[in-house]
């Protein structure tokens, strides 16, 4: 359980930054070199590589170097873990709001019936 929490913590930390989210969005389309990933951003390569390292440390991406080119790939299992946690939270809150709506509808129906009598 603690490892699961730690993996979620690092995944959400990595996803908290818009640059890293944009990198993930790009990698959903397929593998890309660090140079390709860095092109849309106005920052130096050393700064961009820090984002790559955060994503790698979170397990959301992996990279391999062939010659002078480092290619990054998405690791879908780690992204799926974060998505699974969000889906669990959504289901909990949807159940709560459904129960609240049912309660409010029952209260309204009860008050309406009392007014008629």
PDB file of N, CA and C in Angstrom:
ATOM      1  N   UNK A   1       0.828  -1.198   0.000  1.00  0.00           N
ATOM      2  CA  UNK A   1       0.000   0.000   0.000  1.00  0.00           C
ATOM      3  C   UNK A   1       0.866   1.253   0.000  1.00  0.00           C
ATOM      4  N   UNK A   2       1.972   1.237   0.820  1.00  0.00           N
ATOM      5  CA  UNK A   2       2.823   2.416   0.882  1.00  0.00           C
ATOM      6  C   UNK A   2       3.510   2.673  -0.453  1.00  0.00           C
ATOM      7  N   UNK A   3       3.951   1.593  -1.134  1.00  0.00           N
ATOM      8  CA  UNK A   3       4.570   1.762  -2.440  1.00  0.00           C
ATOM      9  C   UNK A   3       3.581   2.328  -3.439  1.00  0.00           C
ATOM     10  N   UNK A   4       2.297   1.872  -3.350  1.00  0.00           N
ATOM     11  CA  UNK A   4       1.254   2.384  -4.225  1.00  0.00           C
ATOM     12  C   UNK A   4       1.074   3.874  -3.985  1.00  0.00           C
ATOM     13  N   UNK A   5       1.030   4.279  -2.696  1.00  0.00           N
ATOM     14  CA  UNK A   5       0.878   5.696  -2.358  1.00  0.00           C
ATOM     15  C   UNK A   5       2.079   6.493  -2.836  1.00  0.00           C
ATOM     16  N   UNK A   6       3.270   5.944  -2.634  1.00  0.00           N
ATOM     17  CA  UNK A   6       4.481   6.637  -3.067  1.00  0.00           C
ATOM     18  C   UNK A   6       4.490   6.811  -4.584  1.00  0.00           C
ATOM     19  N   UNK A   7       4.047   5.783  -5.299  1.00  0.00           N
ATOM     20  CA  UNK A   7       3.996   5.885  -6.768  1.00  0.00           C
ATOM     21  C   UNK A   7       2.992   6.950  -7.187  1.00  0.00           C
ATOM     22  N   UNK A   8       1.853   6.998  -6.486  1.00  0.00           N
ATOM     23  CA  UNK A   8       0.866   8.040  -6.811  1.00  0.00           C
ATOM     24  C   UNK A   8       1.406   9.422  -6.483  1.00  0.00           C
ATOM     25  N   UNK A   9       2.091   9.542  -5.340  1.00  0.00           N
ATOM     26  CA  UNK A   9       2.651  10.844  -4.963  1.00  0.00           C
ATOM     27  C   UNK A   9       3.616  11.348  -6.028  1.00  0.00           C
ATOM     28  N   UNK A  10       4.508  10.477  -6.475  1.00  0.00           N
ATOM     29  CA  UNK A  10       5.491  10.926  -7.478  1.00  0.00           C
ATOM     30  C   UNK A  10       4.811  11.188  -8.822  1.00  0.00           C
ATOM     31  N   UNK A  11       3.787  10.398  -9.150  1.00  0.00           N
ATOM     32  CA  UNK A  11       3.075  10.620 -10.420  1.00  0.00           C
ATOM     33  C   UNK A  11       2.357  11.964 -10.400  1.00  0.00           C
ATOM     34  N   UNK A  12       1.643  12.257  -9.308  1.00  0.00           N
ATOM     35  CA  UNK A  12       0.922  13.527  -9.262  1.00  0.00           C
ATOM     36  C   UNK A  12       1.879  14.718  -9.119  1.00  0.00           C
ATOM     37  N   UNK A  13       2.999  14.521  -8.446  1.00  0.00           N
ATOM     38  CA  UNK A  13       4.014  15.583  -8.405  1.00  0.00           C
ATOM     39  C   UNK A  13       4.493  15.885  -9.822  1.00  0.00           C
ATOM     40  N   UNK A  14       4.767  14.827 -10.571  1.00  0.00           N
ATOM     41  CA  UNK A  14       5.247  15.018 -11.951  1.00  0.00           C
ATOM     42  C   UNK A  14       4.182  15.681 -12.813  1.00  0.00           C
ATOM     43  N   UNK A  15       2.925  15.306 -12.604  1.00  0.00           N
ATOM     44  CA  UNK A  15       1.843  15.852 -13.432  1.00  0.00           C
ATOM     45  C   UNK A  15       1.413  17.250 -12.991  1.00  0.00           C
ATOM     46  N   UNK A  16       1.937  17.734 -11.887  1.00  0.00           N
ATOM     47  CA  UNK A  16       1.559  19.055 -11.381  1.00  0.00           C
ATOM     48  C   UNK A  16       2.121  20.193 -12.229  1.00  0.00           C
ATOM     49  N   UNK A  17       3.091  19.898 -13.071  1.00  0.00           N
ATOM     50  CA  UNK A  17       3.742  20.942 -13.868  1.00  0.00           C
ATOM     51  C   UNK A  17       3.191  20.935 -15.299  1.00  0.00           C
ATOM     52  N   UNK A  18       2.812  22.105 -15.838  1.00  0.00           N
ATOM     53  CA  UNK A  18       2.242  22.137 -17.197  1.00  0.00           C
ATOM     54  C   UNK A  18       3.211  21.678 -18.282  1.00  0.00           C
ATOM     55  N   UNK A  19       4.490  21.926 -18.112  1.00  0.00           N
ATOM     56  CA  UNK A  19       5.465  21.463 -19.110  1.00  0.00           C
ATOM     57  C   UNK A  19       5.474  19.944 -19.157  1.00  0.00           C
ATOM     58  N   UNK A  20       5.464  19.333 -17.986  1.00  0.00           N
ATOM     59  CA  UNK A  20       5.503  17.862 -17.944  1.00  0.00           C
ATOM     60  C   UNK A  20       4.191  17.263 -18.459  1.00  0.00           C
ATOM     61  N   UNK A  21       3.063  17.927 -18.167  1.00  0.00           N
ATOM     62  CA  UNK A  21       1.792  17.429 -18.713  1.00  0.00           C
ATOM     63  C   UNK A  21       1.801  17.517 -20.241  1.00  0.00           C
ATOM     64  N   UNK A  22       2.367  18.591 -20.778  1.00  0.00           N
ATOM     65  CA  UNK A  22       2.454  18.728 -22.238  1.00  0.00           C
ATOM     66  C   UNK A  22       3.363  17.646 -22.820  1.00  0.00           C
ATOM     67  N   UNK A  23       4.419  17.316 -22.117  1.00  0.00           N
ATOM     68  CA  UNK A  23       5.303  16.247 -22.579  1.00  0.00           C
ATOM     69  C   UNK A  23       4.555  14.909 -22.604  1.00  0.00           C
ATOM     70  N   UNK A  24       3.776  14.644 -21.555  1.00  0.00           N
ATOM     71  CA  UNK A  24       2.988  13.407 -21.511  1.00  0.00           C
ATOM     72  C   UNK A  24       1.991  13.388 -22.670  1.00  0.00           C
ATOM     73  N   UNK A  25       1.333  14.521 -22.899  1.00  0.00           N
ATOM     74  CA  UNK A  25       0.359  14.598 -24.000  1.00  0.00           C
ATOM     75  C   UNK A  25       1.039  14.298 -25.330  1.00  0.00           C
ATOM     76  N   UNK A  26       2.226  14.796 -25.509  1.00  0.00           N
ATOM     77  CA  UNK A  26       2.959  14.530 -26.756  1.00  0.00           C
ATOM     78  C   UNK A  26       3.348  13.059 -26.851  1.00  0.00           C
ATOM     79  N   UNK A  27       3.782  12.489 -25.732  1.00  0.00           N
ATOM     80  CA  UNK A  27       4.239  11.093 -25.762  1.00  0.00           C
ATOM     81  C   UNK A  27       3.087  10.103 -25.912  1.00  0.00           C
ATOM     82  N   UNK A  28       1.858  10.531 -25.655  1.00  0.00           N
ATOM     83  CA  UNK A  28       0.708   9.658 -25.908  1.00  0.00           C
ATOM     84  C   UNK A  28       0.624   9.343 -27.401  1.00  0.00           C
ATOM     85  N   UNK A  29       1.091  10.286 -28.218  1.00  0.00           N
ATOM     86  CA  UNK A  29       1.087  10.067 -29.675  1.00  0.00           C
ATOM     87  C   UNK A  29       2.155   9.077 -30.119  1.00  0.00           C
ATOM     88  N   UNK A  30       3.199   8.901 -29.292  1.00  0.00           N
ATOM     89  CA  UNK A  30       4.271   7.977 -29.630  1.00  0.00           C
ATOM     90  C   UNK A  30       5.601   8.481 -29.098  1.00  0.00           C
ATOM     91  N   UNK A  31       6.636   7.645 -29.158  1.00  0.00           N
ATOM     92  CA  UNK A  31       7.951   8.032 -28.661  1.00  0.00           C
ATOM     93  C   UNK A  31       8.472   9.283 -29.371  1.00  0.00           C
ATOM     94  N   UNK A  32       9.319  10.030 -28.664  1.00  0.00           N
ATOM     95  CA  UNK A  32       9.912  11.238 -29.238  1.00  0.00           C
ATOM     96  C   UNK A  32      11.278  11.466 -28.623  1.00  0.00           C
ATOM     97  N   UNK A  33      12.135  12.093 -29.403  1.00  0.00           N
ATOM     98  CA  UNK A  33      13.455  12.437 -28.871  1.00  0.00           C
ATOM     99  C   UNK A  33      13.312  13.622 -27.922  1.00  0.00           C
ATOM    100  N   UNK A  34      14.282  13.782 -27.051  1.00  0.00           N
ATOM    101  CA  UNK A  34      14.272  14.918 -26.130  1.00  0.00           C
ATOM    102  C   UNK A  34      14.255  16.219 -26.914  1.00  0.00           C
ATOM    103  N   UNK A  35      14.972  16.268 -28.029  1.00  0.00           N
ATOM    104  CA  UNK A  35      15.001  17.482 -28.849  1.00  0.00           C
ATOM    105  C   UNK A  35      13.604  17.807 -29.372  1.00  0.00           C
ATOM    106  N   UNK A  36      12.888  16.796 -29.852  1.00  0.00           N
ATOM    107  CA  UNK A  36      11.521  17.010 -30.344  1.00  0.00           C
ATOM    108  C   UNK A  36      10.603  17.484 -29.218  1.00  0.00           C
ATOM    109  N   UNK A  37      10.761  16.863 -28.050  1.00  0.00           N
ATOM    110  CA  UNK A  37       9.914  17.233 -26.914  1.00  0.00           C
ATOM    111  C   UNK A  37      10.187  18.656 -26.454  1.00  0.00           C
ATOM    112  N   UNK A  38      11.437  19.089 -26.557  1.00  0.00           N
ATOM    113  CA  UNK A  38      11.836  20.398 -26.050  1.00  0.00           C
ATOM    114  C   UNK A  38      11.473  21.544 -26.996  1.00  0.00           C
ATOM    115  N   UNK A  39      11.256  21.244 -28.282  1.00  0.00           N
ATOM    116  CA  UNK A  39      11.037  22.300 -29.278  1.00  0.00           C
ATOM    117  C   UNK A  39       9.946  23.311 -28.922  1.00  0.00           C
ATOM    118  N   UNK A  40       8.781  22.886 -28.418  1.00  0.00           N
ATOM    119  CA  UNK A  40       7.724  23.886 -28.155  1.00  0.00           C
ATOM    120  C   UNK A  40       7.988  24.788 -26.955  1.00  0.00           C
ATOM    121  N   UNK A  41       9.002  24.511 -26.177  1.00  0.00           N
ATOM    122  CA  UNK A  41       9.211  25.239 -24.930  1.00  0.00           C
ATOM    123  C   UNK A  41      10.403  26.185 -25.049  1.00  0.00           C
ATOM    124  N   UNK A  42      10.237  27.357 -24.479  1.00  0.00           N
ATOM    125  CA  UNK A  42      11.318  28.340 -24.485  1.00  0.00           C
ATOM    126  C   UNK A  42      12.129  28.198 -23.205  1.00  0.00           C
ATOM    127  N   UNK A  43      12.951  27.190 -23.175  1.00  0.00           N
ATOM    128  CA  UNK A  43      13.850  26.989 -22.037  1.00  0.00           C
ATOM    129  C   UNK A  43      15.085  26.262 -22.529  1.00  0.00           C
ATOM    130  N   UNK A  44      16.120  26.403 -21.769  1.00  0.00           N
ATOM    131  CA  UNK A  44      17.373  25.753 -22.120  1.00  0.00           C
ATOM    132  C   UNK A  44      17.270  24.242 -21.949  1.00  0.00           C
ATOM    133  N   UNK A  45      18.115  23.524 -22.667  1.00  0.00           N
ATOM    134  CA  UNK A  45      18.086  22.068 -22.603  1.00  0.00           C
ATOM    135  C   UNK A  45      18.344  21.540 -21.186  1.00  0.00           C
ATOM    136  N   UNK A  46      19.302  22.145 -20.427  1.00  0.00           N
ATOM    137  CA  UNK A  46      19.498  21.647 -19.055  1.00  0.00           C
ATOM    138  C   UNK A  46      18.234  21.751 -18.201  1.00  0.00           C
ATOM    139  N   UNK A  47      17.495  22.845 -18.350  1.00  0.00           N
ATOM    140  CA  UNK A  47      16.239  22.986 -17.606  1.00  0.00           C
ATOM    141  C   UNK A  47      15.214  21.968 -18.073  1.00  0.00           C
ATOM    142  N   UNK A  48      15.150  21.751 -19.377  1.00  0.00           N
ATOM    143  CA  UNK A  48      14.193  20.786 -19.909  1.00  0.00           C
ATOM    144  C   UNK A  48      14.530  19.371 -19.438  1.00  0.00           C
ATOM    145  N   UNK A  49      15.822  19.071 -19.378  1.00  0.00           N
ATOM    146  CA  UNK A  49      16.222  17.727 -18.928  1.00  0.00           C
ATOM    147  C   UNK A  49      15.811  17.463 -17.480  1.00  0.00           C
ATOM    148  N   UNK A  50      15.686  18.524 -16.675  1.00  0.00           N
ATOM    149  CA  UNK A  50      15.196  18.332 -15.306  1.00  0.00           C
ATOM    150  C   UNK A  50      13.762  17.819 -15.331  1.00  0.00           C
ATOM    151  N   UNK A  51      12.952  18.311 -16.269  1.00  0.00           N
ATOM    152  CA  UNK A  51      11.582  17.816 -16.400  1.00  0.00           C
ATOM    153  C   UNK A  51      11.582  16.346 -16.835  1.00  0.00           C
ATOM    154  N   UNK A  52      12.479  16.011 -17.748  1.00  0.00           N
ATOM    155  CA  UNK A  52      12.585  14.610 -18.197  1.00  0.00           C
ATOM    156  C   UNK A  52      12.930  13.724 -17.007  1.00  0.00           C
ATOM    157  N   UNK A  53      13.873  14.172 -16.175  1.00  0.00           N
ATOM    158  CA  UNK A  53      14.285  13.365 -15.018  1.00  0.00           C
ATOM    159  C   UNK A  53      13.149  13.188 -14.019  1.00  0.00           C
ATOM    160  N   UNK A  54      12.356  14.233 -13.810  1.00  0.00           N
ATOM    161  CA  UNK A  54      11.212  14.116 -12.886  1.00  0.00           C
ATOM    162  C   UNK A  54      10.219  13.088 -13.417  1.00  0.00           C
ATOM    163  N   UNK A  55       9.944  13.150 -14.716  1.00  0.00           N
ATOM    164  CA  UNK A  55       9.005  12.189 -15.307  1.00  0.00           C
ATOM    165  C   UNK A  55       9.561  10.764 -15.256  1.00  0.00           C
ATOM    166  N   UNK A  56      10.849  10.632 -15.461  1.00  0.00           N
ATOM    167  CA  UNK A  56      11.457   9.298 -15.363  1.00  0.00           C
ATOM    168  C   UNK A  56      11.413   8.784 -13.929  1.00  0.00           C
ATOM    169  N   UNK A  57      11.706   9.668 -12.977  1.00  0.00           N
ATOM    170  CA  UNK A  57      11.693   9.260 -11.568  1.00  0.00           C
ATOM    171  C   UNK A  57      10.297   8.838 -11.118  1.00  0.00           C
ATOM    172  N   UNK A  58       9.282   9.446 -11.715  1.00  0.00           N
ATOM    173  CA  UNK A  58       7.900   9.093 -11.364  1.00  0.00           C
ATOM    174  C   UNK A  58       7.469   7.790 -12.013  1.00  0.00           C
ATOM    175  N   UNK A  59       8.226   7.329 -12.997  1.00  0.00           N
ATOM    176  CA  UNK A  59       7.885   6.116 -13.722  1.00  0.00           C
ATOM    177  C   UNK A  59       6.904   6.350 -14.854  1.00  0.00           C
ATOM    178  N   UNK A  60       6.549   7.609 -15.098  1.00  0.00           N
ATOM    179  CA  UNK A  60       5.586   7.897 -16.161  1.00  0.00           C
ATOM    180  C   UNK A  60       6.200   7.765 -17.553  1.00  0.00           C
ATOM    181  N   UNK A  61       7.500   7.991 -17.652  1.00  0.00           N
ATOM    182  CA  UNK A  61       8.184   7.814 -18.933  1.00  0.00           C
ATOM    183  C   UNK A  61       9.475   7.039 -18.712  1.00  0.00           C
ATOM    184  N   UNK A  62       9.978   6.493 -19.785  1.00  0.00           N
ATOM    185  CA  UNK A  62      11.313   5.904 -19.774  1.00  0.00           C
ATOM    186  C   UNK A  62      12.058   6.493 -20.964  1.00  0.00           C
ATOM    187  N   UNK A  63      13.366   6.400 -20.927  1.00  0.00           N
ATOM    188  CA  UNK A  63      14.140   6.895 -22.061  1.00  0.00           C
ATOM    189  C   UNK A  63      15.317   5.982 -22.301  1.00  0.00           C
ATOM    190  N   UNK A  64      15.750   5.991 -23.541  1.00  0.00           N
ATOM    191  CA  UNK A  64      16.944   5.234 -23.881  1.00  0.00           C
ATOM    192  C   UNK A  64      17.769   6.065 -24.860  1.00  0.00           C
ATOM    193  N   UNK A  65      19.066   5.905 -24.742  1.00  0.00           N
ATOM    194  CA  UNK A  65      19.962   6.689 -25.577  1.00  0.00           C
ATOM    195  C   UNK A  65      20.566   5.790 -26.643  1.00  0.00           C
ATOM    196  N   UNK A  66      20.433   6.235 -27.887  1.00  0.00           N
ATOM    197  CA  UNK A  66      21.044   5.551 -29.019  1.00  0.00           C
ATOM    198  C   UNK A  66      21.934   6.570 -29.711  1.00  0.00           C
ATOM    199  N   UNK A  67      23.226   6.374 -29.602  1.00  0.00           N
ATOM    200  CA  UNK A  67      24.155   7.375 -30.141  1.00  0.00           C
ATOM    201  C   UNK A  67      24.018   8.665 -29.362  1.00  0.00           C
ATOM    202  N   UNK A  68      23.674   9.717 -30.066  1.00  0.00           N
ATOM    203  CA  UNK A  68      23.538  11.014 -29.402  1.00  0.00           C
ATOM    204  C   UNK A  68      22.073  11.386 -29.152  1.00  0.00           C
ATOM    205  N   UNK A  69      21.169  10.481 -29.494  1.00  0.00           N
ATOM    206  CA  UNK A  69      19.738  10.770 -29.388  1.00  0.00           C
ATOM    207  C   UNK A  69      19.126  10.013 -28.209  1.00  0.00           C
ATOM    208  N   UNK A  70      18.483  10.758 -27.305  1.00  0.00           N
ATOM    209  CA  UNK A  70      17.744  10.143 -26.196  1.00  0.00           C
ATOM    210  C   UNK A  70      16.261  10.178 -26.570  1.00  0.00           C
ATOM    211  N   UNK A  71      15.675   8.994 -26.628  1.00  0.00           N
ATOM    212  CA  UNK A  71      14.269   8.858 -27.001  1.00  0.00           C
ATOM    213  C   UNK A  71      13.442   8.531 -25.762  1.00  0.00           C
ATOM    214  N   UNK A  72      12.336   9.263 -25.603  1.00  0.00           N
ATOM    215  CA  UNK A  72      11.454   9.078 -24.448  1.00  0.00           C
ATOM    216  C   UNK A  72      10.189   8.346 -24.888  1.00  0.00           C
ATOM    217  N   UNK A  73       9.686   7.512 -23.990  1.00  0.00           N
ATOM    218  CA  UNK A  73       8.444   6.761 -24.220  1.00  0.00           C
ATOM    219  C   UNK A  73       7.568   6.853 -22.983  1.00  0.00           C
ATOM    220  N   UNK A  74       6.297   6.825 -23.212  1.00  0.00           N
ATOM    221  CA  UNK A  74       5.336   6.802 -22.116  1.00  0.00           C
ATOM    222  C   UNK A  74       5.310   5.402 -21.510  1.00  0.00           C
ATOM    223  N   UNK A  75       5.170   5.320 -20.189  1.00  0.00           N
ATOM    224  CA  UNK A  75       4.983   4.039 -19.507  1.00  0.00           C
ATOM    225  C   UNK A  75       3.525   4.020 -19.053  1.00  0.00           C
ATOM    226  N   UNK A  76       2.660   3.418 -19.852  1.00  0.00           N
ATOM    227  CA  UNK A  76       1.223   3.529 -19.602  1.00  0.00           C
ATOM    228  C   UNK A  76       0.768   2.973 -18.261  1.00  0.00           C
ATOM    229  N   UNK A  77       1.452   1.985 -17.712  1.00  0.00           N
ATOM    230  CA  UNK A  77       0.984   1.384 -16.455  1.00  0.00           C
ATOM    231  C   UNK A  77       1.001   2.392 -15.319  1.00  0.00           C
ATOM    232  N   UNK A  78       2.005   3.259 -15.282  1.00  0.00           N
ATOM    233  CA  UNK A  78       2.072   4.247 -14.208  1.00  0.00           C
ATOM    234  C   UNK A  78       1.017   5.328 -14.395  1.00  0.00           C
ATOM    235  N   UNK A  79       0.755   5.695 -15.621  1.00  0.00           N
ATOM    236  CA  UNK A  79      -0.301   6.670 -15.889  1.00  0.00           C
ATOM    237  C   UNK A  79      -1.665   6.055 -15.569  1.00  0.00           C
ATOM    238  N   UNK A  80      -1.821   4.770 -15.846  1.00  0.00           N
ATOM    239  CA  UNK A  80      -3.078   4.079 -15.549  1.00  0.00           C
ATOM    240  C   UNK A  80      -3.328   4.024 -14.043  1.00  0.00           C
ATOM    241  N   UNK A  81      -2.272   3.911 -13.235  1.00  0.00           N
ATOM    242  CA  UNK A  81      -2.446   3.899 -11.782  1.00  0.00           C
ATOM    243  C   UNK A  81      -3.013   5.229 -11.304  1.00  0.00           C
ATOM    244  N   UNK A  82      -2.501   6.325 -11.826  1.00  0.00           N
ATOM    245  CA  UNK A  82      -3.022   7.650 -11.457  1.00  0.00           C
ATOM    246  C   UNK A  82      -4.457   7.804 -11.950  1.00  0.00           C
ATOM    247  N   UNK A  83      -4.728   7.357 -13.145  1.00  0.00           N
ATOM    248  CA  UNK A  83      -6.083   7.422 -13.693  1.00  0.00           C
ATOM    249  C   UNK A  83      -7.042   6.575 -12.854  1.00  0.00           C
ATOM    250  N   UNK A  84      -6.579   5.400 -12.425  1.00  0.00           N
ATOM    251  CA  UNK A  84      -7.405   4.538 -11.586  1.00  0.00           C
ATOM    252  C   UNK A  84      -7.770   5.210 -10.272  1.00  0.00           C
ATOM    253  N   UNK A  85      -6.811   5.872  -9.660  1.00  0.00           N
ATOM    254  CA  UNK A  85      -7.082   6.575  -8.399  1.00  0.00           C
ATOM    255  C   UNK A  85      -8.105   7.684  -8.630  1.00  0.00           C
ATOM    256  N   UNK A  86      -7.945   8.440  -9.715  1.00  0.00           N
ATOM    257  CA  UNK A  86      -8.910   9.509 -10.020  1.00  0.00           C
ATOM    258  C   UNK A  86     -10.301   8.937 -10.276  1.00  0.00           C
ATOM    259  N   UNK A  87     -10.368   7.811 -10.973  1.00  0.00           N
ATOM    260  CA  UNK A  87     -11.665   7.183 -11.230  1.00  0.00           C
ATOM    261  C   UNK A  87     -12.331   6.719  -9.941  1.00  0.00           C
ATOM    262  N   UNK A  88     -11.534   6.178  -9.002  1.00  0.00           N
ATOM    263  CA  UNK A  88     -12.086   5.778  -7.698  1.00  0.00           C
ATOM    264  C   UNK A  88     -12.670   6.987  -6.981  1.00  0.00           C
ATOM    265  N   UNK A  89     -11.941   8.099  -6.994  1.00  0.00           N
ATOM    266  CA  UNK A  89     -12.417   9.308  -6.317  1.00  0.00           C
ATOM    267  C   UNK A  89     -13.672   9.849  -6.994  1.00  0.00           C
ATOM    268  N   UNK A  90     -13.710   9.807  -8.313  1.00  0.00           N
ATOM    269  CA  UNK A  90     -14.887  10.275  -9.056  1.00  0.00           C
ATOM    270  C   UNK A  90     -16.103   9.423  -8.690  1.00  0.00           C
ATOM    271  N   UNK A  91     -15.931   8.100  -8.611  1.00  0.00           N
ATOM    272  CA  UNK A  91     -17.047   7.206  -8.278  1.00  0.00           C
ATOM    273  C   UNK A  91     -17.563   7.502  -6.867  1.00  0.00           C
ATOM    274  N   UNK A  92     -16.668   7.739  -5.928  1.00  0.00           N
ATOM    275  CA  UNK A  92     -17.076   8.063  -4.549  1.00  0.00           C
ATOM    276  C   UNK A  92     -17.901   9.339  -4.541  1.00  0.00           C
ATOM    277  N   UNK A  93     -17.421  10.376  -5.223  1.00  0.00           N
ATOM    278  CA  UNK A  93     -18.123  11.663  -5.199  1.00  0.00           C
ATOM    279  C   UNK A  93     -19.422  11.632  -5.994  1.00  0.00           C
ATOM    280  N   UNK A  94     -19.446  10.861  -7.073  1.00  0.00           N
ATOM    281  CA  UNK A  94     -20.700  10.733  -7.817  1.00  0.00           C
ATOM    282  C   UNK A  94     -21.746  10.007  -6.989  1.00  0.00           C
ATOM    283  N   UNK A  95     -21.341   8.973  -6.244  1.00  0.00           N
ATOM    284  CA  UNK A  95     -22.285   8.267  -5.367  1.00  0.00           C
ATOM    285  C   UNK A  95     -22.814   9.216  -4.296  1.00  0.00           C
ATOM    286  N   UNK A  96     -21.937  10.033  -3.737  1.00  0.00           N
ATOM    287  CA  UNK A  96     -22.360  10.993  -2.709  1.00  0.00           C
ATOM    288  C   UNK A  96     -23.342  12.021  -3.276  1.00  0.00           C
ATOM    289  N   UNK A  97     -23.043  12.552  -4.443  1.00  0.00           N
ATOM    290  CA  UNK A  97     -23.955  13.549  -5.021  1.00  0.00           C
ATOM    291  C   UNK A  97     -25.272  12.910  -5.447  1.00  0.00           C
ATOM    292  N   UNK A  98     -25.236  11.645  -5.883  1.00  0.00           N
ATOM    293  CA  UNK A  98     -26.482  10.949  -6.225  1.00  0.00           C
ATOM    294  C   UNK A  98     -27.349  10.779  -4.976  1.00  0.00           C
ATOM    295  N   UNK A  99     -26.719  10.395  -3.849  1.00  0.00           N
ATOM    296  CA  UNK A  99     -27.485  10.241  -2.599  1.00  0.00           C
ATOM    297  C   UNK A  99     -28.031  11.585  -2.137  1.00  0.00           C
ATOM    298  N   UNK A 100     -27.260  12.645  -2.288  1.00  0.00           N
ATOM    299  CA  UNK A 100     -27.722  13.983  -1.903  1.00  0.00           C
ATOM    300  C   UNK A 100     -28.891  14.411  -2.787  1.00  0.00           C
ATOM    301  N   UNK A 101     -28.810  14.145  -4.079  1.00  0.00           N
ATOM    302  CA  UNK A 101     -29.908  14.501  -4.989  1.00  0.00           C
ATOM    303  C   UNK A 101     -31.164  13.720  -4.644  1.00  0.00           C
ATOM    304  N   UNK A 102     -31.010  12.430  -4.336  1.00  0.00           N
ATOM    305  CA  UNK A 102     -32.174  11.618  -3.959  1.00  0.00           C
ATOM    306  C   UNK A 102     -32.785  12.143  -2.665  1.00  0.00           C
ATOM    307  N   UNK A 103     -31.959  12.496  -1.703  1.00  0.00           N
ATOM    308  CA  UNK A 103     -32.452  13.045  -0.440  1.00  0.00           C
ATOM    309  C   UNK A 103     -33.212  14.351  -0.689  1.00  0.00           C
ATOM    310  N   UNK A 104     -32.644  15.223  -1.502  1.00  0.00           N
ATOM    311  CA  UNK A 104     -33.296  16.508  -1.781  1.00  0.00           C
ATOM    312  C   UNK A 104     -34.619  16.297  -2.508  1.00  0.00           C
ATOM    313  N   UNK A 105     -34.653  15.366  -3.445  1.00  0.00           N
ATOM    314  CA  UNK A 105     -35.901  15.077  -4.159  1.00  0.00           C
ATOM    315  C   UNK A 105     -36.954  14.514  -3.218  1.00  0.00           C
ATOM    316  N   UNK A 106     -36.549  13.629  -2.302  1.00  0.00           N
ATOM    317  CA  UNK A 106     -37.488  13.077  -1.328  1.00  0.00           C
ATOM    318  C   UNK A 106     -38.004  14.166  -0.394  1.00  0.00           C
ATOM    319  N   UNK A 107     -37.123  15.029   0.034  1.00  0.00           N
ATOM    320  CA  UNK A 107     -37.533  16.131   0.911  1.00  0.00           C
ATOM    321  C   UNK A 107     -38.527  17.037   0.192  1.00  0.00           C
ATOM    322  N   UNK A 108     -38.235  17.350  -1.052  1.00  0.00           N
ATOM    323  CA  UNK A 108     -39.117  18.210  -1.834  1.00  0.00           C
ATOM    324  C   UNK A 108     -40.483  17.554  -2.026  1.00  0.00           C
ATOM    325  N   UNK A 109     -40.478  16.252  -2.351  1.00  0.00           N
ATOM    326  CA  UNK A 109     -41.735  15.520  -2.533  1.00  0.00           C
ATOM    327  C   UNK A 109     -42.511  15.472  -1.225  1.00  0.00           C
ATOM    328  N   UNK A 110     -41.824  15.263  -0.129  1.00  0.00           N
ATOM    329  CA  UNK A 110     -42.481  15.213   1.179  1.00  0.00           C
ATOM    330  C   UNK A 110     -43.104  16.562   1.521  1.00  0.00           C
ATOM    331  N   UNK A 111     -42.372  17.643   1.285  1.00  0.00           N
ATOM    332  CA  UNK A 111     -42.891  18.986   1.565  1.00  0.00           C
ATOM    333  C   UNK A 111     -44.071  19.318   0.655  1.00  0.00           C
ATOM    334  N   UNK A 112     -44.003  18.894  -0.593  1.00  0.00           N
ATOM    335  CA  UNK A 112     -45.092  19.146  -1.539  1.00  0.00           C
ATOM    336  C   UNK A 112     -46.359  18.398  -1.108  1.00  0.00           C
ATOM    337  N   UNK A 113     -46.202  17.146  -0.659  1.00  0.00           N
ATOM    338  CA  UNK A 113     -47.341  16.366  -0.194  1.00  0.00           C
ATOM    339  C   UNK A 113     -47.961  16.987   1.059  1.00  0.00           C
ATOM    340  N   UNK A 114     -47.141  17.520   1.953  1.00  0.00           N
ATOM    341  CA  UNK A 114     -47.644  18.159   3.180  1.00  0.00           C
ATOM    342  C   UNK A 114     -48.414  19.435   2.854  1.00  0.00           C
ATOM    343  N   UNK A 115     -47.991  20.159   1.821  1.00  0.00           N
ATOM    344  CA  UNK A 115     -48.686  21.381   1.424  1.00  0.00           C
ATOM    345  C   UNK A 115     -50.069  21.078   0.854  1.00  0.00           C
ATOM    346  N   UNK A 116     -50.197  19.936   0.152  1.00  0.00           N
ATOM    347  CA  UNK A 116     -51.463  19.550  -0.478  1.00  0.00           C
ATOM    348  C   UNK A 116     -52.478  19.130   0.573  1.00  0.00           C
ATOM    349  N   UNK A 117     -51.989  18.482   1.636  1.00  0.00           N
ATOM    350  CA  UNK A 117     -52.908  17.966   2.661  1.00  0.00           C
ATOM    351  C   UNK A 117     -53.446  19.043   3.524  1.00  0.00           C
TER     352      UNK A 117
END
